C-alpha cells in the first residue's frame, strides 16, 4: 500500500478541468475519480473495521453493528463532527434513507 502525502490540488478551470469534472492533481497527477475512490475505500474500511457484535440501540436485537455517521453538511460549523452510532444493517439502511430524505427536503425547498 502506498501512502500519498500530497495535498491534492485539482484544477477546475478550462481547459484543464471544470467544476463538475476537476482535472488531475497539479502536484502528483492523480485523477479526481481516483481520489474519490480512495476516500470511499477508507470510509468502507472504517465501517467494516469497527463492526462488532452487540445490541442495536434502535431495534434492540443482538446483531452485528456497523458504524453510522452522517456526513457533515456545509451549513454546520467547521469543527462540528456529526455523532457516531452503531446500528444493525436494517437500522443502518433506515437511518441512511431518513438522512437522504431530509437532505432532499432541504435541497428541494431551495
Protein backbone atom coordinates (compact mmCIF):
# COMPACT_ATOMS: atom_id res chain seq x y z
CA UNK A 1 0.00 0.00 0.00
CA UNK A 2 1.35 3.43 -0.90
CA UNK A 3 0.57 6.48 1.16
CA UNK A 4 0.45 9.84 -0.57
CA UNK A 5 1.31 12.94 1.43
CA UNK A 6 0.17 15.19 -1.43
CA UNK A 7 -2.49 17.77 -0.51
CA UNK A 8 -4.11 17.28 -3.97
CA UNK A 9 -4.87 20.44 -5.88
CA UNK A 10 -7.32 19.68 -8.70
CA UNK A 11 -7.78 22.49 -11.25
CA UNK A 12 -11.36 23.46 -12.04
CA UNK A 13 -10.79 25.98 -14.83
CA UNK A 14 -10.86 25.03 -18.52
CA UNK A 15 -9.03 23.70 -20.44
CA UNK A 16 -7.52 21.56 -17.65
CA UNK A 17 -10.74 20.85 -15.73
CA UNK A 18 -14.20 22.11 -14.80
CA UNK A 19 -16.26 22.45 -11.63
CA UNK A 20 -18.13 19.24 -12.49
CA UNK A 21 -15.03 17.41 -13.76
CA UNK A 22 -11.85 18.60 -11.99
CA UNK A 23 -8.55 17.90 -13.73
CA UNK A 24 -5.70 15.76 -12.39
CA UNK A 25 -3.75 16.94 -9.34
CA UNK A 26 -1.19 19.56 -10.27
CA UNK A 27 1.40 18.02 -7.92
CA UNK A 28 1.10 14.23 -8.18
CA UNK A 29 -1.13 13.72 -11.24
CA UNK A 30 -3.78 11.55 -9.55
CA UNK A 31 -7.24 11.97 -11.08
CA UNK A 32 -10.28 13.28 -9.21
CA UNK A 33 -12.04 9.92 -9.64
CA UNK A 34 -9.08 8.04 -8.13
CA UNK A 35 -9.12 10.35 -5.09
CA UNK A 36 -12.88 9.80 -4.63
CA UNK A 37 -12.42 6.01 -4.95
CA UNK A 38 -9.73 6.11 -2.24
CA UNK A 39 -11.98 8.16 0.06
CA UNK A 40 -14.80 5.60 -0.43
CA UNK A 41 -12.39 2.71 0.30
CA UNK A 42 -11.28 4.44 3.51
CA UNK A 43 -14.90 5.01 4.59
CA UNK A 44 -15.76 1.36 3.89
CA UNK A 45 -12.69 0.20 5.83
CA UNK A 46 -13.74 2.35 8.79
CA UNK A 47 -17.30 1.00 8.74
CA UNK A 48 -16.27 -2.66 8.35
CA UNK A 49 -13.21 -2.42 10.60
CA UNK A 50 -15.25 -1.17 13.55
CA UNK A 51 -18.14 -3.64 13.13
CA UNK A 52 -18.84 -5.66 16.25
CA UNK A 53 -21.49 -7.82 17.88
CA UNK A 54 -23.92 -6.10 20.18
CA UNK A 55 -27.45 -4.94 20.82
CA UNK A 56 -28.78 -2.41 18.32
CA UNK A 57 -29.92 0.76 20.12
CA UNK A 58 -32.79 1.27 17.62
CA UNK A 59 -34.41 -2.17 17.37
CA UNK A 60 -32.96 -3.86 20.48
CA UNK A 61 -31.88 -7.02 18.64
CA UNK A 62 -28.50 -8.68 19.15
CA UNK A 63 -26.69 -8.43 15.80
CA UNK A 64 -23.55 -7.23 14.09
CA UNK A 65 -23.42 -3.44 14.46
CA UNK A 66 -22.00 -1.13 11.81
CA UNK A 67 -20.67 2.40 12.34
CA UNK A 68 -23.11 5.06 11.08
CA UNK A 69 -22.13 8.71 10.91
CA UNK A 70 -23.99 11.11 8.63
CA UNK A 71 -21.68 13.28 6.52
CA UNK A 72 -21.16 16.83 7.73
CA UNK A 73 -23.08 19.49 5.83
CA UNK A 74 -21.93 22.88 4.53
CA UNK A 75 -24.17 24.80 6.95
CA UNK A 76 -22.67 23.12 10.03
CA UNK A 77 -19.78 24.76 11.91
CA UNK A 78 -16.32 23.90 10.57
CA UNK A 79 -15.23 21.93 13.64
CA UNK A 80 -18.58 20.09 14.12
CA UNK A 81 -18.47 16.31 13.79
CA UNK A 82 -21.83 14.52 13.48
CA UNK A 83 -22.46 11.91 16.17
CA UNK A 84 -21.45 8.29 15.55
CA UNK A 85 -23.84 5.44 16.29
CA UNK A 86 -23.56 1.69 15.85
CA UNK A 87 -26.60 0.15 14.17
CA UNK A 88 -27.60 -3.22 12.77
CA UNK A 89 -27.83 -3.45 8.97
CA UNK A 90 -31.60 -2.86 8.81
CA UNK A 91 -31.45 0.17 11.11
CA UNK A 92 -28.32 1.41 9.27
CA UNK A 93 -30.23 1.36 5.97
CA UNK A 94 -33.25 3.05 7.57
CA UNK A 95 -31.02 5.79 9.03
CA UNK A 96 -29.36 6.36 5.64
CA UNK A 97 -32.75 6.59 3.90
CA UNK A 98 -34.01 9.01 6.55
CA UNK A 99 -30.87 11.15 6.23
CA UNK A 100 -31.17 11.26 2.42
CA UNK A 101 -34.87 12.14 2.62
CA UNK A 102 -34.02 15.02 5.00
CA UNK A 103 -31.41 16.32 2.55
CA UNK A 104 -33.85 16.02 -0.35
CA UNK A 105 -36.38 18.06 1.64
CA UNK A 106 -33.80 20.77 2.40
CA UNK A 107 -32.42 20.98 -1.12
CA UNK A 108 -35.85 20.58 -2.70
CA UNK A 109 -37.09 23.70 -0.90
CA UNK A 110 -34.35 25.88 -2.39
